């Protein structure tokens, strides 16, 4: 094989970027995946697990496990939806506080990555993300 595997390149880059965000968010006690879910929940106020899974591009069982961790940590609360067949999730007061503390840390990490990559590479990253 003479060319590098694109999947391996992307996975390596993703691990490095995720590690930077995880380190930035560590003082709040959450990681980037949890932060992203909390923001999705915040943006919808209350969201079904099925819809949250669709938004996060995760299957229903994975999103259920991830939400259970957030619930255990006091960051979200779950309840039955209007039709009683679907669980819905919303931020708890602890989740609201965690997001308030984490957002400036996330923003600082965003700025560091933008500075490290530069405008052209950030635009290329956005183009690649939309293309795949």
Protein backbone atom coordinates (compact mmCIF):
# COMPACT_ATOMS: atom_id res chain seq x y z
CA UNK A 1 0.00 0.00 0.00
CA UNK A 2 1.55 3.28 -1.08
CA UNK A 3 -1.00 5.77 0.19
CA UNK A 4 -2.16 6.24 3.78
CA UNK A 5 -5.57 4.98 4.78
CA UNK A 6 -7.95 7.95 4.86
CA UNK A 7 -9.98 6.37 7.61
CA UNK A 8 -6.89 5.98 9.79
CA UNK A 9 -5.84 9.56 9.12
CA UNK A 10 -9.27 10.87 10.08
CA UNK A 11 -9.49 8.68 13.18
CA UNK A 12 -6.04 9.83 14.34
CA UNK A 13 -6.95 13.47 13.81
CA UNK A 14 -10.28 12.96 15.59
CA UNK A 15 -8.58 11.37 18.61
CA UNK A 16 -6.13 14.27 18.87
CA UNK A 17 -8.82 16.92 18.59
CA UNK A 18 -11.14 15.09 21.00
CA UNK A 19 -8.27 14.81 23.50
CA UNK A 20 -7.76 18.58 23.34
CA UNK A 21 -11.45 19.21 24.03
CA UNK A 22 -11.56 16.56 26.75
CA UNK A 23 -8.60 18.20 28.50
CA UNK A 24 -10.25 21.63 28.22
CA UNK A 25 -13.54 20.34 29.68
CA UNK A 26 -11.95 18.19 32.40
CA UNK A 27 -12.33 20.87 35.11
CA UNK A 28 -16.11 20.56 34.69
CA UNK A 29 -15.99 16.76 34.81
CA UNK A 30 -17.36 16.11 31.34
CA UNK A 31 -15.88 15.12 28.00
CA UNK A 32 -16.56 16.49 24.52
CA UNK A 33 -19.11 13.80 23.68
CA UNK A 34 -21.08 14.63 26.84
CA UNK A 35 -20.78 18.35 26.17
CA UNK A 36 -22.16 17.87 22.66
CA UNK A 37 -25.14 15.88 23.97
CA UNK A 38 -25.84 18.46 26.68
CA UNK A 39 -25.86 21.22 24.05
CA UNK A 40 -28.23 19.24 21.83
CA UNK A 41 -30.56 18.74 24.80
CA UNK A 42 -30.29 22.41 25.76
CA UNK A 43 -31.13 23.54 22.22
CA UNK A 44 -34.34 21.49 22.23
CA UNK A 45 -35.31 22.02 25.89
CA UNK A 46 -36.81 18.55 26.05
CA UNK A 47 -36.09 15.87 23.47
CA UNK A 48 -37.01 12.24 23.00
CA UNK A 49 -34.21 9.70 23.15
CA UNK A 50 -35.03 8.66 19.59
CA UNK A 51 -34.74 12.23 18.32
CA UNK A 52 -31.56 12.83 20.33
CA UNK A 53 -30.06 9.70 18.80
CA UNK A 54 -30.98 10.95 15.34
CA UNK A 55 -29.44 14.35 16.03
CA UNK A 56 -26.26 12.78 17.41
CA UNK A 57 -26.17 10.14 14.66
CA UNK A 58 -26.15 7.38 17.29
CA UNK A 59 -28.39 4.33 17.54
CA UNK A 60 -31.11 4.24 20.19
CA UNK A 61 -29.28 1.84 22.53
CA UNK A 62 -26.05 3.88 22.44
CA UNK A 63 -27.85 7.15 23.12
CA UNK A 64 -29.74 5.46 25.96
CA UNK A 65 -26.49 4.35 27.60
CA UNK A 66 -24.93 7.79 27.16
CA UNK A 67 -27.97 9.52 28.66
CA UNK A 68 -27.92 7.12 31.63
CA UNK A 69 -24.38 8.29 32.42
CA UNK A 70 -25.48 11.94 32.22
CA UNK A 71 -28.47 11.14 34.44
CA UNK A 72 -26.29 9.29 36.95
CA UNK A 73 -24.01 12.34 37.08
CA UNK A 74 -26.99 14.61 37.76
CA UNK A 75 -26.74 16.49 34.45
CA UNK A 76 -30.03 15.45 32.86
CA UNK A 77 -33.39 14.13 33.92
CA UNK A 78 -35.58 11.71 32.05
CA UNK A 79 -39.34 11.33 32.02
CA UNK A 80 -42.07 9.74 29.93
CA UNK A 81 -43.18 11.62 26.83
CA UNK A 82 -46.76 12.64 26.06
CA UNK A 83 -47.64 9.24 24.61
CA UNK A 84 -45.95 7.37 27.51
CA UNK A 85 -44.09 5.13 25.04
CA UNK A 86 -41.08 7.36 24.56
CA UNK A 87 -38.63 8.64 27.13
CA UNK A 88 -37.70 12.31 26.96
CA UNK A 89 -34.63 13.98 28.38
CA UNK A 90 -34.01 17.52 29.59
CA UNK A 91 -31.25 19.31 31.41
CA UNK A 92 -31.27 19.21 35.18
CA UNK A 93 -30.15 22.24 37.21
CA UNK A 94 -26.75 20.51 37.45
CA UNK A 95 -26.63 20.17 33.68
CA UNK A 96 -27.44 23.84 33.22
CA UNK A 97 -24.61 24.74 35.62
CA UNK A 98 -22.19 22.34 33.94
CA UNK A 99 -22.92 23.83 30.51
CA UNK A 100 -22.49 27.36 31.85
CA UNK A 101 -19.09 26.41 33.26
CA UNK A 102 -18.04 24.33 30.25
CA UNK A 103 -18.99 26.70 27.43
CA UNK A 104 -16.18 29.23 27.99
CA UNK A 105 -13.70 26.32 28.18
CA UNK A 106 -15.08 24.89 24.94
CA UNK A 107 -14.90 28.31 23.28
CA UNK A 108 -11.26 28.70 24.37
CA UNK A 109 -10.45 25.29 22.91
CA UNK A 110 -12.21 26.28 19.67
CA UNK A 111 -10.02 29.39 19.46
CA UNK A 112 -6.86 27.35 20.12
CA UNK A 113 -7.70 24.91 17.34
CA UNK A 114 -8.59 27.74 14.97
CA UNK A 115 -5.28 29.42 15.77
CA UNK A 116 -3.35 26.19 15.31
CA UNK A 117 -4.98 25.29 11.99
CA UNK A 118 -5.61 28.72 10.51
CA UNK A 119 -8.59 29.94 8.54
CA UNK A 120 -7.90 28.00 5.34
CA UNK A 121 -7.58 24.64 7.11
CA UNK A 122 -10.68 25.30 9.23
CA UNK A 123 -12.64 25.98 6.03
CA UNK A 124 -11.19 22.82 4.49
CA UNK A 125 -12.19 20.88 7.60
CA UNK A 126 -15.75 22.16 7.30
CA UNK A 127 -15.83 21.23 3.63
CA UNK A 128 -14.53 17.73 4.35
CA UNK A 129 -17.05 17.23 7.16
CA UNK A 130 -19.92 18.22 4.87
CA UNK A 131 -18.64 16.08 2.02
CA UNK A 132 -18.44 12.77 3.89
